[in-house]
């Protein structure tokens, strides 16, 4: 079954195929290219994630009780990071997003290979996705 946990495991498995972090960065850049892109009308200050050094826009829609995320960034590594998060959390029920842990990020070693500002940005991205989940969860109740 396709769950947040199974998607996280897929990403852990994919990252474990690479021997070094240069290959993993290249893979993240590739993932960024497959990101479901945010429509230009949503590229507003309201959708910018605070706490990121680069610009990252995220938009969420609720379809059939599942949150669908789109995003974009002006930096290729950051785009790869948000692509990973969206792959994990998009098309999931808001409650599943809120209940999900994010240990997979530590398991792929992402935080330790990011600069402190990017690592903070990563935390801000996760917070923002969970904030969307909270907002939409209240609509479902």
C-alpha atoms as a PDB file:
ATOM      1  CA  UNK A   1       0.000   0.000   0.000  1.00  0.00           C
ATOM      2  CA  UNK A   2       1.175   3.514  -0.793  1.00  0.00           C
ATOM      3  CA  UNK A   3       1.664   5.247   2.553  1.00  0.00           C
ATOM      4  CA  UNK A   4       3.840   8.058   3.832  1.00  0.00           C
ATOM      5  CA  UNK A   5       6.002   5.390   5.513  1.00  0.00           C
ATOM      6  CA  UNK A   6       6.376   3.345   2.306  1.00  0.00           C
ATOM      7  CA  UNK A   7       7.385   6.487   0.375  1.00  0.00           C
ATOM      8  CA  UNK A   8       9.924   7.347   3.055  1.00  0.00           C
ATOM      9  CA  UNK A   9      11.353   3.823   2.801  1.00  0.00           C
ATOM     10  CA  UNK A  10      11.599   4.170  -1.003  1.00  0.00           C
ATOM     11  CA  UNK A  11      13.637   7.330  -0.574  1.00  0.00           C
ATOM     12  CA  UNK A  12      15.903   5.686   2.031  1.00  0.00           C
ATOM     13  CA  UNK A  13      16.453   2.773  -0.396  1.00  0.00           C
ATOM     14  CA  UNK A  14      17.167   5.119  -3.313  1.00  0.00           C
ATOM     15  CA  UNK A  15      19.677   7.174  -1.341  1.00  0.00           C
ATOM     16  CA  UNK A  16      21.443   4.037  -0.089  1.00  0.00           C
ATOM     17  CA  UNK A  17      22.300   3.146  -3.715  1.00  0.00           C
ATOM     18  CA  UNK A  18      24.749   6.052  -3.906  1.00  0.00           C
ATOM     19  CA  UNK A  19      28.260   5.784  -2.526  1.00  0.00           C
ATOM     20  CA  UNK A  20      28.931   9.433  -1.811  1.00  0.00           C
ATOM     21  CA  UNK A  21      27.179  12.712  -1.216  1.00  0.00           C
ATOM     22  CA  UNK A  22      28.099  14.221  -4.566  1.00  0.00           C
ATOM     23  CA  UNK A  23      25.978  11.508  -6.220  1.00  0.00           C
ATOM     24  CA  UNK A  24      23.195  12.119  -3.711  1.00  0.00           C
ATOM     25  CA  UNK A  25      23.238  15.860  -4.423  1.00  0.00           C
ATOM     26  CA  UNK A  26      23.026  15.127  -8.147  1.00  0.00           C
ATOM     27  CA  UNK A  27      20.090  12.814  -7.452  1.00  0.00           C
ATOM     28  CA  UNK A  28      18.371  15.516  -5.385  1.00  0.00           C
ATOM     29  CA  UNK A  29      18.820  17.977  -8.262  1.00  0.00           C
ATOM     30  CA  UNK A  30      17.226  15.388 -10.596  1.00  0.00           C
ATOM     31  CA  UNK A  31      14.319  14.954  -8.157  1.00  0.00           C
ATOM     32  CA  UNK A  32      13.893  18.723  -8.148  1.00  0.00           C
ATOM     33  CA  UNK A  33      13.344  18.615 -11.900  1.00  0.00           C
ATOM     34  CA  UNK A  34      10.388  16.257 -11.427  1.00  0.00           C
ATOM     35  CA  UNK A  35       8.747  18.461  -8.797  1.00  0.00           C
ATOM     36  CA  UNK A  36       5.046  19.162  -9.384  1.00  0.00           C
ATOM     37  CA  UNK A  37       5.453  22.868 -10.121  1.00  0.00           C
ATOM     38  CA  UNK A  38       3.374  25.496  -8.391  1.00  0.00           C
ATOM     39  CA  UNK A  39       1.226  27.598 -10.707  1.00  0.00           C
ATOM     40  CA  UNK A  40       2.545  31.116 -11.161  1.00  0.00           C
ATOM     41  CA  UNK A  41      -0.475  32.722  -9.473  1.00  0.00           C
ATOM     42  CA  UNK A  42       0.533  30.966  -6.227  1.00  0.00           C
ATOM     43  CA  UNK A  43       4.109  32.263  -6.339  1.00  0.00           C
ATOM     44  CA  UNK A  44       3.238  34.946  -3.813  1.00  0.00           C
ATOM     45  CA  UNK A  45       4.760  36.132  -0.565  1.00  0.00           C
ATOM     46  CA  UNK A  46       1.964  34.327   1.291  1.00  0.00           C
ATOM     47  CA  UNK A  47       3.247  31.003  -0.052  1.00  0.00           C
ATOM     48  CA  UNK A  48       6.936  31.616   0.622  1.00  0.00           C
ATOM     49  CA  UNK A  49       8.329  29.448   3.393  1.00  0.00           C
ATOM     50  CA  UNK A  50       9.798  31.658   6.101  1.00  0.00           C
ATOM     51  CA  UNK A  51      13.183  30.601   7.409  1.00  0.00           C
ATOM     52  CA  UNK A  52      14.604  29.467   4.077  1.00  0.00           C
ATOM     53  CA  UNK A  53      17.644  31.201   2.657  1.00  0.00           C
ATOM     54  CA  UNK A  54      16.442  30.615  -0.897  1.00  0.00           C
ATOM     55  CA  UNK A  55      12.925  31.275  -2.032  1.00  0.00           C
ATOM     56  CA  UNK A  56      10.605  28.285  -1.690  1.00  0.00           C
ATOM     57  CA  UNK A  57       6.934  28.534  -2.569  1.00  0.00           C
ATOM     58  CA  UNK A  58       4.463  25.846  -1.526  1.00  0.00           C
ATOM     59  CA  UNK A  59       0.777  25.565  -2.304  1.00  0.00           C
ATOM     60  CA  UNK A  60      -1.690  22.949  -1.061  1.00  0.00           C
ATOM     61  CA  UNK A  61      -5.075  21.836  -2.334  1.00  0.00           C
ATOM     62  CA  UNK A  62      -7.462  19.352  -0.790  1.00  0.00           C
ATOM     63  CA  UNK A  63      -8.863  16.822  -3.280  1.00  0.00           C
ATOM     64  CA  UNK A  64     -10.890  13.800  -2.115  1.00  0.00           C
ATOM     65  CA  UNK A  65      -9.681  14.372   1.473  1.00  0.00           C
ATOM     66  CA  UNK A  66      -6.046  14.166   0.335  1.00  0.00           C
ATOM     67  CA  UNK A  67      -3.614  17.068   0.385  1.00  0.00           C
ATOM     68  CA  UNK A  68      -1.840  17.728  -2.889  1.00  0.00           C
ATOM     69  CA  UNK A  69       1.241  19.928  -2.752  1.00  0.00           C
ATOM     70  CA  UNK A  70       2.953  21.876  -5.502  1.00  0.00           C
ATOM     71  CA  UNK A  71       6.117  23.909  -5.018  1.00  0.00           C
ATOM     72  CA  UNK A  72       9.065  25.655  -6.585  1.00  0.00           C
ATOM     73  CA  UNK A  73      12.368  27.139  -5.509  1.00  0.00           C
ATOM     74  CA  UNK A  74      14.934  29.456  -7.031  1.00  0.00           C
ATOM     75  CA  UNK A  75      17.796  27.177  -5.853  1.00  0.00           C
ATOM     76  CA  UNK A  76      18.427  23.710  -7.307  1.00  0.00           C
ATOM     77  CA  UNK A  77      19.377  21.925  -4.060  1.00  0.00           C
ATOM     78  CA  UNK A  78      16.447  23.474  -2.208  1.00  0.00           C
ATOM     79  CA  UNK A  79      14.178  22.428  -5.058  1.00  0.00           C
ATOM     80  CA  UNK A  80      15.452  18.869  -4.582  1.00  0.00           C
ATOM     81  CA  UNK A  81      14.752  19.001  -0.836  1.00  0.00           C
ATOM     82  CA  UNK A  82      11.181  20.226  -1.248  1.00  0.00           C
ATOM     83  CA  UNK A  83      10.687  17.631  -4.041  1.00  0.00           C
ATOM     84  CA  UNK A  84      11.586  14.866  -1.563  1.00  0.00           C
ATOM     85  CA  UNK A  85       9.192  16.244   1.056  1.00  0.00           C
ATOM     86  CA  UNK A  86       6.364  16.645  -1.457  1.00  0.00           C
ATOM     87  CA  UNK A  87       6.893  13.135  -2.761  1.00  0.00           C
ATOM     88  CA  UNK A  88       6.474  11.862   0.792  1.00  0.00           C
ATOM     89  CA  UNK A  89       3.573  14.038   1.946  1.00  0.00           C
ATOM     90  CA  UNK A  90       1.526  14.842  -1.172  1.00  0.00           C
ATOM     91  CA  UNK A  91      -1.604  12.753  -1.849  1.00  0.00           C
ATOM     92  CA  UNK A  92      -1.940  11.947   1.839  1.00  0.00           C
ATOM     93  CA  UNK A  93      -4.715  12.596   4.336  1.00  0.00           C
ATOM     94  CA  UNK A  94      -3.989  15.644   6.550  1.00  0.00           C
ATOM     95  CA  UNK A  95      -4.079  13.460   9.686  1.00  0.00           C
ATOM     96  CA  UNK A  96      -1.520  11.064   8.186  1.00  0.00           C
ATOM     97  CA  UNK A  97       0.749  14.034   7.469  1.00  0.00           C
ATOM     98  CA  UNK A  98       0.380  15.301  11.035  1.00  0.00           C
ATOM     99  CA  UNK A  99       1.048  11.848  12.502  1.00  0.00           C
ATOM    100  CA  UNK A 100       4.046  11.125  10.265  1.00  0.00           C
ATOM    101  CA  UNK A 101       7.523  11.278  11.686  1.00  0.00           C
ATOM    102  CA  UNK A 102      10.404  12.580   9.621  1.00  0.00           C
ATOM    103  CA  UNK A 103      13.151  10.221  10.796  1.00  0.00           C
ATOM    104  CA  UNK A 104      13.813   9.267   7.184  1.00  0.00           C
ATOM    105  CA  UNK A 105      15.621  12.598   6.776  1.00  0.00           C
ATOM    106  CA  UNK A 106      18.145  11.552   9.415  1.00  0.00           C
ATOM    107  CA  UNK A 107      18.339   8.060   7.932  1.00  0.00           C
ATOM    108  CA  UNK A 108      19.421   9.395   4.536  1.00  0.00           C
ATOM    109  CA  UNK A 109      21.848  11.750   6.319  1.00  0.00           C
ATOM    110  CA  UNK A 110      20.345  14.832   4.744  1.00  0.00           C
ATOM    111  CA  UNK A 111      20.547  17.221   7.704  1.00  0.00           C
ATOM    112  CA  UNK A 112      24.213  16.568   8.402  1.00  0.00           C
ATOM    113  CA  UNK A 113      25.124  17.248   4.758  1.00  0.00           C
ATOM    114  CA  UNK A 114      23.327  20.578   4.554  1.00  0.00           C
ATOM    115  CA  UNK A 115      24.672  23.931   5.614  1.00  0.00           C
ATOM    116  CA  UNK A 116      23.091  25.178   8.880  1.00  0.00           C
ATOM    117  CA  UNK A 117      20.907  27.647   6.967  1.00  0.00           C
ATOM    118  CA  UNK A 118      19.671  24.917   4.593  1.00  0.00           C
ATOM    119  CA  UNK A 119      19.063  22.561   7.528  1.00  0.00           C
ATOM    120  CA  UNK A 120      16.939  25.289   9.163  1.00  0.00           C
ATOM    121  CA  UNK A 121      15.137  25.738   5.861  1.00  0.00           C
ATOM    122  CA  UNK A 122      14.401  22.008   5.768  1.00  0.00           C
ATOM    123  CA  UNK A 123      12.825  22.202   9.226  1.00  0.00           C
ATOM    124  CA  UNK A 124      10.778  25.224   8.078  1.00  0.00           C
ATOM    125  CA  UNK A 125       9.574  23.314   5.003  1.00  0.00           C
ATOM    126  CA  UNK A 126       8.370  20.385   7.122  1.00  0.00           C
ATOM    127  CA  UNK A 127       6.672  22.791   9.546  1.00  0.00           C
ATOM    128  CA  UNK A 128       4.892  24.524   6.665  1.00  0.00           C
ATOM    129  CA  UNK A 129       3.619  21.255   5.153  1.00  0.00           C
ATOM    130  CA  UNK A 130       2.316  20.249   8.587  1.00  0.00           C
ATOM    131  CA  UNK A 131       0.690  23.700   9.007  1.00  0.00           C
ATOM    132  CA  UNK A 132      -1.219  23.110   5.771  1.00  0.00           C
ATOM    133  CA  UNK A 133      -2.262  19.709   7.122  1.00  0.00           C
ATOM    134  CA  UNK A 134      -3.537  21.325  10.342  1.00  0.00           C
ATOM    135  CA  UNK A 135      -5.497  23.932   8.368  1.00  0.00           C
ATOM    136  CA  UNK A 136      -7.125  21.363   6.102  1.00  0.00           C
ATOM    137  CA  UNK A 137      -7.699  18.856   8.922  1.00  0.00           C
ATOM    138  CA  UNK A 138      -9.936  21.405  10.662  1.00  0.00           C
ATOM    139  CA  UNK A 139     -11.987  21.719   7.457  1.00  0.00           C
ATOM    140  CA  UNK A 140     -12.579  17.966   7.390  1.00  0.00           C
ATOM    141  CA  UNK A 141     -13.885  17.777  10.971  1.00  0.00           C
END
